[in-house]
Amino acid sequence: VGPALEKEKICKGLERTGYVLLETQ
């Protein structure tokens, strides 16, 4: 939860370590 740009940086970083990122588009 948070501002889109900051969320994207954290989510992409977590995705690279194995988490499954689910985004609408």
PDBML (XML) file of the C-alpha atoms, coordinates in Angstrom:
<?xml version="1.0" encoding="UTF-8" ?>
<PDBx:datablock datablockName="MODEL"
   xmlns:PDBx="http://pdbml.pdb.org/schema/pdbx-v50.xsd"
   xmlns:xsi="http://www.w3.org/2001/XMLSchema-instance"
   xsi:schemaLocation="http://pdbml.pdb.org/schema/pdbx-v50.xsd pdbx-v50.xsd">
   <PDBx:atom_siteCategory>
      <PDBx:atom_site id="1">
         <PDBx:B_iso_or_equiv>0.00</PDBx:B_iso_or_equiv>
         <PDBx:Cartn_x>0.000</PDBx:Cartn_x>
         <PDBx:Cartn_y>0.000</PDBx:Cartn_y>
         <PDBx:Cartn_z>0.000</PDBx:Cartn_z>
         <PDBx:auth_asym_id>A</PDBx:auth_asym_id>
         <PDBx:auth_atom_id>CA</PDBx:auth_atom_id>
         <PDBx:auth_comp_id>VAL</PDBx:auth_comp_id>
         <PDBx:auth_seq_id>1</PDBx:auth_seq_id>
         <PDBx:group_PDB>ATOM</PDBx:group_PDB>
         <PDBx:label_alt_id xsi:nil="true" />
         <PDBx:label_asym_id>A</PDBx:label_asym_id>
         <PDBx:label_atom_id>CA</PDBx:label_atom_id>
         <PDBx:label_comp_id>VAL</PDBx:label_comp_id>
         <PDBx:label_entity_id>1</PDBx:label_entity_id>
         <PDBx:label_seq_id>1</PDBx:label_seq_id>
         <PDBx:occupancy>1.00</PDBx:occupancy>
         <PDBx:pdbx_PDB_model_num>1</PDBx:pdbx_PDB_model_num>
         <PDBx:type_symbol>C</PDBx:type_symbol>
      </PDBx:atom_site>
      <PDBx:atom_site id="2">
         <PDBx:B_iso_or_equiv>0.00</PDBx:B_iso_or_equiv>
         <PDBx:Cartn_x>1.374</PDBx:Cartn_x>
         <PDBx:Cartn_y>3.408</PDBx:Cartn_y>
         <PDBx:Cartn_z>-0.949</PDBx:Cartn_z>
         <PDBx:auth_asym_id>A</PDBx:auth_asym_id>
         <PDBx:auth_atom_id>CA</PDBx:auth_atom_id>
         <PDBx:auth_comp_id>GLY</PDBx:auth_comp_id>
         <PDBx:auth_seq_id>2</PDBx:auth_seq_id>
         <PDBx:group_PDB>ATOM</PDBx:group_PDB>
         <PDBx:label_alt_id xsi:nil="true" />
         <PDBx:label_asym_id>A</PDBx:label_asym_id>
         <PDBx:label_atom_id>CA</PDBx:label_atom_id>
         <PDBx:label_comp_id>GLY</PDBx:label_comp_id>
         <PDBx:label_entity_id>1</PDBx:label_entity_id>
         <PDBx:label_seq_id>2</PDBx:label_seq_id>
         <PDBx:occupancy>1.00</PDBx:occupancy>
         <PDBx:pdbx_PDB_model_num>1</PDBx:pdbx_PDB_model_num>
         <PDBx:type_symbol>C</PDBx:type_symbol>
      </PDBx:atom_site>
      <PDBx:atom_site id="3">
         <PDBx:B_iso_or_equiv>0.00</PDBx:B_iso_or_equiv>
         <PDBx:Cartn_x>2.322</PDBx:Cartn_x>
         <PDBx:Cartn_y>5.783</PDBx:Cartn_y>
         <PDBx:Cartn_z>-3.799</PDBx:Cartn_z>
         <PDBx:auth_asym_id>A</PDBx:auth_asym_id>
         <PDBx:auth_atom_id>CA</PDBx:auth_atom_id>
         <PDBx:auth_comp_id>PRO</PDBx:auth_comp_id>
         <PDBx:auth_seq_id>3</PDBx:auth_seq_id>
         <PDBx:group_PDB>ATOM</PDBx:group_PDB>
         <PDBx:label_alt_id xsi:nil="true" />
         <PDBx:label_asym_id>A</PDBx:label_asym_id>
         <PDBx:label_atom_id>CA</PDBx:label_atom_id>
         <PDBx:label_comp_id>PRO</PDBx:label_comp_id>
         <PDBx:label_entity_id>1</PDBx:label_entity_id>
         <PDBx:label_seq_id>3</PDBx:label_seq_id>
         <PDBx:occupancy>1.00</PDBx:occupancy>
         <PDBx:pdbx_PDB_model_num>1</PDBx:pdbx_PDB_model_num>
         <PDBx:type_symbol>C</PDBx:type_symbol>
      </PDBx:atom_site>
      <PDBx:atom_site id="4">
         <PDBx:B_iso_or_equiv>0.00</PDBx:B_iso_or_equiv>
         <PDBx:Cartn_x>2.531</PDBx:Cartn_x>
         <PDBx:Cartn_y>4.052</PDBx:Cartn_y>
         <PDBx:Cartn_z>-7.187</PDBx:Cartn_z>
         <PDBx:auth_asym_id>A</PDBx:auth_asym_id>
         <PDBx:auth_atom_id>CA</PDBx:auth_atom_id>
         <PDBx:auth_comp_id>ALA</PDBx:auth_comp_id>
         <PDBx:auth_seq_id>4</PDBx:auth_seq_id>
         <PDBx:group_PDB>ATOM</PDBx:group_PDB>
         <PDBx:label_alt_id xsi:nil="true" />
         <PDBx:label_asym_id>A</PDBx:label_asym_id>
         <PDBx:label_atom_id>CA</PDBx:label_atom_id>
         <PDBx:label_comp_id>ALA</PDBx:label_comp_id>
         <PDBx:label_entity_id>1</PDBx:label_entity_id>
         <PDBx:label_seq_id>4</PDBx:label_seq_id>
         <PDBx:occupancy>1.00</PDBx:occupancy>
         <PDBx:pdbx_PDB_model_num>1</PDBx:pdbx_PDB_model_num>
         <PDBx:type_symbol>C</PDBx:type_symbol>
      </PDBx:atom_site>
      <PDBx:atom_site id="5">
         <PDBx:B_iso_or_equiv>0.00</PDBx:B_iso_or_equiv>
         <PDBx:Cartn_x>6.149</PDBx:Cartn_x>
         <PDBx:Cartn_y>4.865</PDBx:Cartn_y>
         <PDBx:Cartn_z>-8.036</PDBx:Cartn_z>
         <PDBx:auth_asym_id>A</PDBx:auth_asym_id>
         <PDBx:auth_atom_id>CA</PDBx:auth_atom_id>
         <PDBx:auth_comp_id>LEU</PDBx:auth_comp_id>
         <PDBx:auth_seq_id>5</PDBx:auth_seq_id>
         <PDBx:group_PDB>ATOM</PDBx:group_PDB>
         <PDBx:label_alt_id xsi:nil="true" />
         <PDBx:label_asym_id>A</PDBx:label_asym_id>
         <PDBx:label_atom_id>CA</PDBx:label_atom_id>
         <PDBx:label_comp_id>LEU</PDBx:label_comp_id>
         <PDBx:label_entity_id>1</PDBx:label_entity_id>
         <PDBx:label_seq_id>5</PDBx:label_seq_id>
         <PDBx:occupancy>1.00</PDBx:occupancy>
         <PDBx:pdbx_PDB_model_num>1</PDBx:pdbx_PDB_model_num>
         <PDBx:type_symbol>C</PDBx:type_symbol>
      </PDBx:atom_site>
      <PDBx:atom_site id="6">
         <PDBx:B_iso_or_equiv>0.00</PDBx:B_iso_or_equiv>
         <PDBx:Cartn_x>7.500</PDBx:Cartn_x>
         <PDBx:Cartn_y>3.786</PDBx:Cartn_y>
         <PDBx:Cartn_z>-4.648</PDBx:Cartn_z>
         <PDBx:auth_asym_id>A</PDBx:auth_asym_id>
         <PDBx:auth_atom_id>CA</PDBx:auth_atom_id>
         <PDBx:auth_comp_id>GLU</PDBx:auth_comp_id>
         <PDBx:auth_seq_id>6</PDBx:auth_seq_id>
         <PDBx:group_PDB>ATOM</PDBx:group_PDB>
         <PDBx:label_alt_id xsi:nil="true" />
         <PDBx:label_asym_id>A</PDBx:label_asym_id>
         <PDBx:label_atom_id>CA</PDBx:label_atom_id>
         <PDBx:label_comp_id>GLU</PDBx:label_comp_id>
         <PDBx:label_entity_id>1</PDBx:label_entity_id>
         <PDBx:label_seq_id>6</PDBx:label_seq_id>
         <PDBx:occupancy>1.00</PDBx:occupancy>
         <PDBx:pdbx_PDB_model_num>1</PDBx:pdbx_PDB_model_num>
         <PDBx:type_symbol>C</PDBx:type_symbol>
      </PDBx:atom_site>
      <PDBx:atom_site id="7">
         <PDBx:B_iso_or_equiv>0.00</PDBx:B_iso_or_equiv>
         <PDBx:Cartn_x>5.362</PDBx:Cartn_x>
         <PDBx:Cartn_y>0.638</PDBx:Cartn_y>
         <PDBx:Cartn_z>-4.688</PDBx:Cartn_z>
         <PDBx:auth_asym_id>A</PDBx:auth_asym_id>
         <PDBx:auth_atom_id>CA</PDBx:auth_atom_id>
         <PDBx:auth_comp_id>LYS</PDBx:auth_comp_id>
         <PDBx:auth_seq_id>7</PDBx:auth_seq_id>
         <PDBx:group_PDB>ATOM</PDBx:group_PDB>
         <PDBx:label_alt_id xsi:nil="true" />
         <PDBx:label_asym_id>A</PDBx:label_asym_id>
         <PDBx:label_atom_id>CA</PDBx:label_atom_id>
         <PDBx:label_comp_id>LYS</PDBx:label_comp_id>
         <PDBx:label_entity_id>1</PDBx:label_entity_id>
         <PDBx:label_seq_id>7</PDBx:label_seq_id>
         <PDBx:occupancy>1.00</PDBx:occupancy>
         <PDBx:pdbx_PDB_model_num>1</PDBx:pdbx_PDB_model_num>
         <PDBx:type_symbol>C</PDBx:type_symbol>
      </PDBx:atom_site>
      <PDBx:atom_site id="8">
         <PDBx:B_iso_or_equiv>0.00</PDBx:B_iso_or_equiv>
         <PDBx:Cartn_x>6.702</PDBx:Cartn_x>
         <PDBx:Cartn_y>-0.281</PDBx:Cartn_y>
         <PDBx:Cartn_z>-8.113</PDBx:Cartn_z>
         <PDBx:auth_asym_id>A</PDBx:auth_asym_id>
         <PDBx:auth_atom_id>CA</PDBx:auth_atom_id>
         <PDBx:auth_comp_id>GLU</PDBx:auth_comp_id>
         <PDBx:auth_seq_id>8</PDBx:auth_seq_id>
         <PDBx:group_PDB>ATOM</PDBx:group_PDB>
         <PDBx:label_alt_id xsi:nil="true" />
         <PDBx:label_asym_id>A</PDBx:label_asym_id>
         <PDBx:label_atom_id>CA</PDBx:label_atom_id>
         <PDBx:label_comp_id>GLU</PDBx:label_comp_id>
         <PDBx:label_entity_id>1</PDBx:label_entity_id>
         <PDBx:label_seq_id>8</PDBx:label_seq_id>
         <PDBx:occupancy>1.00</PDBx:occupancy>
         <PDBx:pdbx_PDB_model_num>1</PDBx:pdbx_PDB_model_num>
         <PDBx:type_symbol>C</PDBx:type_symbol>
      </PDBx:atom_site>
      <PDBx:atom_site id="9">
         <PDBx:B_iso_or_equiv>0.00</PDBx:B_iso_or_equiv>
         <PDBx:Cartn_x>10.329</PDBx:Cartn_x>
         <PDBx:Cartn_y>-0.107</PDBx:Cartn_y>
         <PDBx:Cartn_z>-6.965</PDBx:Cartn_z>
         <PDBx:auth_asym_id>A</PDBx:auth_asym_id>
         <PDBx:auth_atom_id>CA</PDBx:auth_atom_id>
         <PDBx:auth_comp_id>LYS</PDBx:auth_comp_id>
         <PDBx:auth_seq_id>9</PDBx:auth_seq_id>
         <PDBx:group_PDB>ATOM</PDBx:group_PDB>
         <PDBx:label_alt_id xsi:nil="true" />
         <PDBx:label_asym_id>A</PDBx:label_asym_id>
         <PDBx:label_atom_id>CA</PDBx:label_atom_id>
         <PDBx:label_comp_id>LYS</PDBx:label_comp_id>
         <PDBx:label_entity_id>1</PDBx:label_entity_id>
         <PDBx:label_seq_id>9</PDBx:label_seq_id>
         <PDBx:occupancy>1.00</PDBx:occupancy>
         <PDBx:pdbx_PDB_model_num>1</PDBx:pdbx_PDB_model_num>
         <PDBx:type_symbol>C</PDBx:type_symbol>
      </PDBx:atom_site>
      <PDBx:atom_site id="10">
         <PDBx:B_iso_or_equiv>0.00</PDBx:B_iso_or_equiv>
         <PDBx:Cartn_x>9.702</PDBx:Cartn_x>
         <PDBx:Cartn_y>-2.319</PDBx:Cartn_y>
         <PDBx:Cartn_z>-3.946</PDBx:Cartn_z>
         <PDBx:auth_asym_id>A</PDBx:auth_asym_id>
         <PDBx:auth_atom_id>CA</PDBx:auth_atom_id>
         <PDBx:auth_comp_id>ILE</PDBx:auth_comp_id>
         <PDBx:auth_seq_id>10</PDBx:auth_seq_id>
         <PDBx:group_PDB>ATOM</PDBx:group_PDB>
         <PDBx:label_alt_id xsi:nil="true" />
         <PDBx:label_asym_id>A</PDBx:label_asym_id>
         <PDBx:label_atom_id>CA</PDBx:label_atom_id>
         <PDBx:label_comp_id>ILE</PDBx:label_comp_id>
         <PDBx:label_entity_id>1</PDBx:label_entity_id>
         <PDBx:label_seq_id>10</PDBx:label_seq_id>
         <PDBx:occupancy>1.00</PDBx:occupancy>
         <PDBx:pdbx_PDB_model_num>1</PDBx:pdbx_PDB_model_num>
         <PDBx:type_symbol>C</PDBx:type_symbol>
      </PDBx:atom_site>
      <PDBx:atom_site id="11">
         <PDBx:B_iso_or_equiv>0.00</PDBx:B_iso_or_equiv>
         <PDBx:Cartn_x>7.442</PDBx:Cartn_x>
         <PDBx:Cartn_y>-4.780</PDBx:Cartn_y>
         <PDBx:Cartn_z>-5.789</PDBx:Cartn_z>
         <PDBx:auth_asym_id>A</PDBx:auth_asym_id>
         <PDBx:auth_atom_id>CA</PDBx:auth_atom_id>
         <PDBx:auth_comp_id>CYS</PDBx:auth_comp_id>
         <PDBx:auth_seq_id>11</PDBx:auth_seq_id>
         <PDBx:group_PDB>ATOM</PDBx:group_PDB>
         <PDBx:label_alt_id xsi:nil="true" />
         <PDBx:label_asym_id>A</PDBx:label_asym_id>
         <PDBx:label_atom_id>CA</PDBx:label_atom_id>
         <PDBx:label_comp_id>CYS</PDBx:label_comp_id>
         <PDBx:label_entity_id>1</PDBx:label_entity_id>
         <PDBx:label_seq_id>11</PDBx:label_seq_id>
         <PDBx:occupancy>1.00</PDBx:occupancy>
         <PDBx:pdbx_PDB_model_num>1</PDBx:pdbx_PDB_model_num>
         <PDBx:type_symbol>C</PDBx:type_symbol>
      </PDBx:atom_site>
      <PDBx:atom_site id="12">
         <PDBx:B_iso_or_equiv>0.00</PDBx:B_iso_or_equiv>
         <PDBx:Cartn_x>9.860</PDBx:Cartn_x>
         <PDBx:Cartn_y>-5.225</PDBx:Cartn_y>
         <PDBx:Cartn_z>-8.693</PDBx:Cartn_z>
         <PDBx:auth_asym_id>A</PDBx:auth_asym_id>
         <PDBx:auth_atom_id>CA</PDBx:auth_atom_id>
         <PDBx:auth_comp_id>LYS</PDBx:auth_comp_id>
         <PDBx:auth_seq_id>12</PDBx:auth_seq_id>
         <PDBx:group_PDB>ATOM</PDBx:group_PDB>
         <PDBx:label_alt_id xsi:nil="true" />
         <PDBx:label_asym_id>A</PDBx:label_asym_id>
         <PDBx:label_atom_id>CA</PDBx:label_atom_id>
         <PDBx:label_comp_id>LYS</PDBx:label_comp_id>
         <PDBx:label_entity_id>1</PDBx:label_entity_id>
         <PDBx:label_seq_id>12</PDBx:label_seq_id>
         <PDBx:occupancy>1.00</PDBx:occupancy>
         <PDBx:pdbx_PDB_model_num>1</PDBx:pdbx_PDB_model_num>
         <PDBx:type_symbol>C</PDBx:type_symbol>
      </PDBx:atom_site>
      <PDBx:atom_site id="13">
         <PDBx:B_iso_or_equiv>0.00</PDBx:B_iso_or_equiv>
         <PDBx:Cartn_x>12.676</PDBx:Cartn_x>
         <PDBx:Cartn_y>-5.792</PDBx:Cartn_y>
         <PDBx:Cartn_z>-6.223</PDBx:Cartn_z>
         <PDBx:auth_asym_id>A</PDBx:auth_asym_id>
         <PDBx:auth_atom_id>CA</PDBx:auth_atom_id>
         <PDBx:auth_comp_id>GLY</PDBx:auth_comp_id>
         <PDBx:auth_seq_id>13</PDBx:auth_seq_id>
         <PDBx:group_PDB>ATOM</PDBx:group_PDB>
         <PDBx:label_alt_id xsi:nil="true" />
         <PDBx:label_asym_id>A</PDBx:label_asym_id>
         <PDBx:label_atom_id>CA</PDBx:label_atom_id>
         <PDBx:label_comp_id>GLY</PDBx:label_comp_id>
         <PDBx:label_entity_id>1</PDBx:label_entity_id>
         <PDBx:label_seq_id>13</PDBx:label_seq_id>
         <PDBx:occupancy>1.00</PDBx:occupancy>
         <PDBx:pdbx_PDB_model_num>1</PDBx:pdbx_PDB_model_num>
         <PDBx:type_symbol>C</PDBx:type_symbol>
      </PDBx:atom_site>
      <PDBx:atom_site id="14">
         <PDBx:B_iso_or_equiv>0.00</PDBx:B_iso_or_equiv>
         <PDBx:Cartn_x>10.664</PDBx:Cartn_x>
         <PDBx:Cartn_y>-8.407</PDBx:Cartn_y>
         <PDBx:Cartn_z>-4.335</PDBx:Cartn_z>
         <PDBx:auth_asym_id>A</PDBx:auth_asym_id>
         <PDBx:auth_atom_id>CA</PDBx:auth_atom_id>
         <PDBx:auth_comp_id>LEU</PDBx:auth_comp_id>
         <PDBx:auth_seq_id>14</PDBx:auth_seq_id>
         <PDBx:group_PDB>ATOM</PDBx:group_PDB>
         <PDBx:label_alt_id xsi:nil="true" />
         <PDBx:label_asym_id>A</PDBx:label_asym_id>
         <PDBx:label_atom_id>CA</PDBx:label_atom_id>
         <PDBx:label_comp_id>LEU</PDBx:label_comp_id>
         <PDBx:label_entity_id>1</PDBx:label_entity_id>
         <PDBx:label_seq_id>14</PDBx:label_seq_id>
         <PDBx:occupancy>1.00</PDBx:occupancy>
         <PDBx:pdbx_PDB_model_num>1</PDBx:pdbx_PDB_model_num>
         <PDBx:type_symbol>C</PDBx:type_symbol>
      </PDBx:atom_site>
      <PDBx:atom_site id="15">
         <PDBx:B_iso_or_equiv>0.00</PDBx:B_iso_or_equiv>
         <PDBx:Cartn_x>9.619</PDBx:Cartn_x>
         <PDBx:Cartn_y>-10.047</PDBx:Cartn_y>
         <PDBx:Cartn_z>-7.600</PDBx:Cartn_z>
         <PDBx:auth_asym_id>A</PDBx:auth_asym_id>
         <PDBx:auth_atom_id>CA</PDBx:auth_atom_id>
         <PDBx:auth_comp_id>GLU</PDBx:auth_comp_id>
         <PDBx:auth_seq_id>15</PDBx:auth_seq_id>
         <PDBx:group_PDB>ATOM</PDBx:group_PDB>
         <PDBx:label_alt_id xsi:nil="true" />
         <PDBx:label_asym_id>A</PDBx:label_asym_id>
         <PDBx:label_atom_id>CA</PDBx:label_atom_id>
         <PDBx:label_comp_id>GLU</PDBx:label_comp_id>
         <PDBx:label_entity_id>1</PDBx:label_entity_id>
         <PDBx:label_seq_id>15</PDBx:label_seq_id>
         <PDBx:occupancy>1.00</PDBx:occupancy>
         <PDBx:pdbx_PDB_model_num>1</PDBx:pdbx_PDB_model_num>
         <PDBx:type_symbol>C</PDBx:type_symbol>
      </PDBx:atom_site>
      <PDBx:atom_site id="16">
         <PDBx:B_iso_or_equiv>0.00</PDBx:B_iso_or_equiv>
         <PDBx:Cartn_x>13.292</PDBx:Cartn_x>
         <PDBx:Cartn_y>-10.505</PDBx:Cartn_y>
         <PDBx:Cartn_z>-8.520</PDBx:Cartn_z>
         <PDBx:auth_asym_id>A</PDBx:auth_asym_id>
         <PDBx:auth_atom_id>CA</PDBx:auth_atom_id>
         <PDBx:auth_comp_id>ARG</PDBx:auth_comp_id>
         <PDBx:auth_seq_id>16</PDBx:auth_seq_id>
         <PDBx:group_PDB>ATOM</PDBx:group_PDB>
         <PDBx:label_alt_id xsi:nil="true" />
         <PDBx:label_asym_id>A</PDBx:label_asym_id>
         <PDBx:label_atom_id>CA</PDBx:label_atom_id>
         <PDBx:label_comp_id>ARG</PDBx:label_comp_id>
         <PDBx:label_entity_id>1</PDBx:label_entity_id>
         <PDBx:label_seq_id>16</PDBx:label_seq_id>
         <PDBx:occupancy>1.00</PDBx:occupancy>
         <PDBx:pdbx_PDB_model_num>1</PDBx:pdbx_PDB_model_num>
         <PDBx:type_symbol>C</PDBx:type_symbol>
      </PDBx:atom_site>
      <PDBx:atom_site id="17">
         <PDBx:B_iso_or_equiv>0.00</PDBx:B_iso_or_equiv>
         <PDBx:Cartn_x>13.792</PDBx:Cartn_x>
         <PDBx:Cartn_y>-12.423</PDBx:Cartn_y>
         <PDBx:Cartn_z>-5.277</PDBx:Cartn_z>
         <PDBx:auth_asym_id>A</PDBx:auth_asym_id>
         <PDBx:auth_atom_id>CA</PDBx:auth_atom_id>
         <PDBx:auth_comp_id>THR</PDBx:auth_comp_id>
         <PDBx:auth_seq_id>17</PDBx:auth_seq_id>
         <PDBx:group_PDB>ATOM</PDBx:group_PDB>
         <PDBx:label_alt_id xsi:nil="true" />
         <PDBx:label_asym_id>A</PDBx:label_asym_id>
         <PDBx:label_atom_id>CA</PDBx:label_atom_id>
         <PDBx:label_comp_id>THR</PDBx:label_comp_id>
         <PDBx:label_entity_id>1</PDBx:label_entity_id>
         <PDBx:label_seq_id>17</PDBx:label_seq_id>
         <PDBx:occupancy>1.00</PDBx:occupancy>
         <PDBx:pdbx_PDB_model_num>1</PDBx:pdbx_PDB_model_num>
         <PDBx:type_symbol>C</PDBx:type_symbol>
      </PDBx:atom_site>
      <PDBx:atom_site id="18">
         <PDBx:B_iso_or_equiv>0.00</PDBx:B_iso_or_equiv>
         <PDBx:Cartn_x>10.975</PDBx:Cartn_x>
         <PDBx:Cartn_y>-14.883</PDBx:Cartn_y>
         <PDBx:Cartn_z>-6.007</PDBx:Cartn_z>
         <PDBx:auth_asym_id>A</PDBx:auth_asym_id>
         <PDBx:auth_atom_id>CA</PDBx:auth_atom_id>
         <PDBx:auth_comp_id>GLY</PDBx:auth_comp_id>
         <PDBx:auth_seq_id>18</PDBx:auth_seq_id>
         <PDBx:group_PDB>ATOM</PDBx:group_PDB>
         <PDBx:label_alt_id xsi:nil="true" />
         <PDBx:label_asym_id>A</PDBx:label_asym_id>
         <PDBx:label_atom_id>CA</PDBx:label_atom_id>
         <PDBx:label_comp_id>GLY</PDBx:label_comp_id>
         <PDBx:label_entity_id>1</PDBx:label_entity_id>
         <PDBx:label_seq_id>18</PDBx:label_seq_id>
         <PDBx:occupancy>1.00</PDBx:occupancy>
         <PDBx:pdbx_PDB_model_num>1</PDBx:pdbx_PDB_model_num>
         <PDBx:type_symbol>C</PDBx:type_symbol>
      </PDBx:atom_site>
      <PDBx:atom_site id="19">
         <PDBx:B_iso_or_equiv>0.00</PDBx:B_iso_or_equiv>
         <PDBx:Cartn_x>7.675</PDBx:Cartn_x>
         <PDBx:Cartn_y>-13.274</PDBx:Cartn_y>
         <PDBx:Cartn_z>-4.980</PDBx:Cartn_z>
         <PDBx:auth_asym_id>A</PDBx:auth_asym_id>
         <PDBx:auth_atom_id>CA</PDBx:auth_atom_id>
         <PDBx:auth_comp_id>TYR</PDBx:auth_comp_id>
         <PDBx:auth_seq_id>19</PDBx:auth_seq_id>
         <PDBx:group_PDB>ATOM</PDBx:group_PDB>
         <PDBx:label_alt_id xsi:nil="true" />
         <PDBx:label_asym_id>A</PDBx:label_asym_id>
         <PDBx:label_atom_id>CA</PDBx:label_atom_id>
         <PDBx:label_comp_id>TYR</PDBx:label_comp_id>
         <PDBx:label_entity_id>1</PDBx:label_entity_id>
         <PDBx:label_seq_id>19</PDBx:label_seq_id>
         <PDBx:occupancy>1.00</PDBx:occupancy>
         <PDBx:pdbx_PDB_model_num>1</PDBx:pdbx_PDB_model_num>
         <PDBx:type_symbol>C</PDBx:type_symbol>
      </PDBx:atom_site>
      <PDBx:atom_site id="20">
         <PDBx:B_iso_or_equiv>0.00</PDBx:B_iso_or_equiv>
         <PDBx:Cartn_x>4.780</PDBx:Cartn_x>
         <PDBx:Cartn_y>-13.508</PDBx:Cartn_y>
         <PDBx:Cartn_z>-7.476</PDBx:Cartn_z>
         <PDBx:auth_asym_id>A</PDBx:auth_asym_id>
         <PDBx:auth_atom_id>CA</PDBx:auth_atom_id>
         <PDBx:auth_comp_id>VAL</PDBx:auth_comp_id>
         <PDBx:auth_seq_id>20</PDBx:auth_seq_id>
         <PDBx:group_PDB>ATOM</PDBx:group_PDB>
         <PDBx:label_alt_id xsi:nil="true" />
         <PDBx:label_asym_id>A</PDBx:label_asym_id>
         <PDBx:label_atom_id>CA</PDBx:label_atom_id>
         <PDBx:label_comp_id>VAL</PDBx:label_comp_id>
         <PDBx:label_entity_id>1</PDBx:label_entity_id>
         <PDBx:label_seq_id>20</PDBx:label_seq_id>
         <PDBx:occupancy>1.00</PDBx:occupancy>
         <PDBx:pdbx_PDB_model_num>1</PDBx:pdbx_PDB_model_num>
         <PDBx:type_symbol>C</PDBx:type_symbol>
      </PDBx:atom_site>
      <PDBx:atom_site id="21">
         <PDBx:B_iso_or_equiv>0.00</PDBx:B_iso_or_equiv>
         <PDBx:Cartn_x>3.700</PDBx:Cartn_x>
         <PDBx:Cartn_y>-9.982</PDBx:Cartn_y>
         <PDBx:Cartn_z>-8.446</PDBx:Cartn_z>
         <PDBx:auth_asym_id>A</PDBx:auth_asym_id>
         <PDBx:auth_atom_id>CA</PDBx:auth_atom_id>
         <PDBx:auth_comp_id>LEU</PDBx:auth_comp_id>
         <PDBx:auth_seq_id>21</PDBx:auth_seq_id>
         <PDBx:group_PDB>ATOM</PDBx:group_PDB>
         <PDBx:label_alt_id xsi:nil="true" />
         <PDBx:label_asym_id>A</PDBx:label_asym_id>
         <PDBx:label_atom_id>CA</PDBx:label_atom_id>
         <PDBx:label_comp_id>LEU</PDBx:label_comp_id>
         <PDBx:label_entity_id>1</PDBx:label_entity_id>
         <PDBx:label_seq_id>21</PDBx:label_seq_id>
         <PDBx:occupancy>1.00</PDBx:occupancy>
         <PDBx:pdbx_PDB_model_num>1</PDBx:pdbx_PDB_model_num>
         <PDBx:type_symbol>C</PDBx:type_symbol>
      </PDBx:atom_site>
      <PDBx:atom_site id="22">
         <PDBx:B_iso_or_equiv>0.00</PDBx:B_iso_or_equiv>
         <PDBx:Cartn_x>0.056</PDBx:Cartn_x>
         <PDBx:Cartn_y>-9.691</PDBx:Cartn_y>
         <PDBx:Cartn_z>-9.539</PDBx:Cartn_z>
         <PDBx:auth_asym_id>A</PDBx:auth_asym_id>
         <PDBx:auth_atom_id>CA</PDBx:auth_atom_id>
         <PDBx:auth_comp_id>LEU</PDBx:auth_comp_id>
         <PDBx:auth_seq_id>22</PDBx:auth_seq_id>
         <PDBx:group_PDB>ATOM</PDBx:group_PDB>
         <PDBx:label_alt_id xsi:nil="true" />
         <PDBx:label_asym_id>A</PDBx:label_asym_id>
         <PDBx:label_atom_id>CA</PDBx:label_atom_id>
         <PDBx:label_comp_id>LEU</PDBx:label_comp_id>
         <PDBx:label_entity_id>1</PDBx:label_entity_id>
         <PDBx:label_seq_id>22</PDBx:label_seq_id>
         <PDBx:occupancy>1.00</PDBx:occupancy>
         <PDBx:pdbx_PDB_model_num>1</PDBx:pdbx_PDB_model_num>
         <PDBx:type_symbol>C</PDBx:type_symbol>
      </PDBx:atom_site>
      <PDBx:atom_site id="23">
         <PDBx:B_iso_or_equiv>0.00</PDBx:B_iso_or_equiv>
         <PDBx:Cartn_x>-0.829</PDBx:Cartn_x>
         <PDBx:Cartn_y>-6.415</PDBx:Cartn_y>
         <PDBx:Cartn_z>-11.277</PDBx:Cartn_z>
         <PDBx:auth_asym_id>A</PDBx:auth_asym_id>
         <PDBx:auth_atom_id>CA</PDBx:auth_atom_id>
         <PDBx:auth_comp_id>GLU</PDBx:auth_comp_id>
         <PDBx:auth_seq_id>23</PDBx:auth_seq_id>
         <PDBx:group_PDB>ATOM</PDBx:group_PDB>
         <PDBx:label_alt_id xsi:nil="true" />
         <PDBx:label_asym_id>A</PDBx:label_asym_id>
         <PDBx:label_atom_id>CA</PDBx:label_atom_id>
         <PDBx:label_comp_id>GLU</PDBx:label_comp_id>
         <PDBx:label_entity_id>1</PDBx:label_entity_id>
         <PDBx:label_seq_id>23</PDBx:label_seq_id>
         <PDBx:occupancy>1.00</PDBx:occupancy>
         <PDBx:pdbx_PDB_model_num>1</PDBx:pdbx_PDB_model_num>
         <PDBx:type_symbol>C</PDBx:type_symbol>
      </PDBx:atom_site>
      <PDBx:atom_site id="24">
         <PDBx:B_iso_or_equiv>0.00</PDBx:B_iso_or_equiv>
         <PDBx:Cartn_x>-4.079</PDBx:Cartn_x>
         <PDBx:Cartn_y>-5.447</PDBx:Cartn_y>
         <PDBx:Cartn_z>-12.963</PDBx:Cartn_z>
         <PDBx:auth_asym_id>A</PDBx:auth_asym_id>
         <PDBx:auth_atom_id>CA</PDBx:auth_atom_id>
         <PDBx:auth_comp_id>THR</PDBx:auth_comp_id>
         <PDBx:auth_seq_id>24</PDBx:auth_seq_id>
         <PDBx:group_PDB>ATOM</PDBx:group_PDB>
         <PDBx:label_alt_id xsi:nil="true" />
         <PDBx:label_asym_id>A</PDBx:label_asym_id>
         <PDBx:label_atom_id>CA</PDBx:label_atom_id>
         <PDBx:label_comp_id>THR</PDBx:label_comp_id>
         <PDBx:label_entity_id>1</PDBx:label_entity_id>
         <PDBx:label_seq_id>24</PDBx:label_seq_id>
         <PDBx:occupancy>1.00</PDBx:occupancy>
         <PDBx:pdbx_PDB_model_num>1</PDBx:pdbx_PDB_model_num>
         <PDBx:type_symbol>C</PDBx:type_symbol>
      </PDBx:atom_site>
      <PDBx:atom_site id="25">
         <PDBx:B_iso_or_equiv>0.00</PDBx:B_iso_or_equiv>
         <PDBx:Cartn_x>-2.827</PDBx:Cartn_x>
         <PDBx:Cartn_y>-4.600</PDBx:Cartn_y>
         <PDBx:Cartn_z>-16.444</PDBx:Cartn_z>
         <PDBx:auth_asym_id>A</PDBx:auth_asym_id>
         <PDBx:auth_atom_id>CA</PDBx:auth_atom_id>
         <PDBx:auth_comp_id>GLN</PDBx:auth_comp_id>
         <PDBx:auth_seq_id>25</PDBx:auth_seq_id>
         <PDBx:group_PDB>ATOM</PDBx:group_PDB>
         <PDBx:label_alt_id xsi:nil="true" />
         <PDBx:label_asym_id>A</PDBx:label_asym_id>
         <PDBx:label_atom_id>CA</PDBx:label_atom_id>
         <PDBx:label_comp_id>GLN</PDBx:label_comp_id>
         <PDBx:label_entity_id>1</PDBx:label_entity_id>
         <PDBx:label_seq_id>25</PDBx:label_seq_id>
         <PDBx:occupancy>1.00</PDBx:occupancy>
         <PDBx:pdbx_PDB_model_num>1</PDBx:pdbx_PDB_model_num>
         <PDBx:type_symbol>C</PDBx:type_symbol>
      </PDBx:atom_site>
   </PDBx:atom_siteCategory>
</PDBx:datablock>
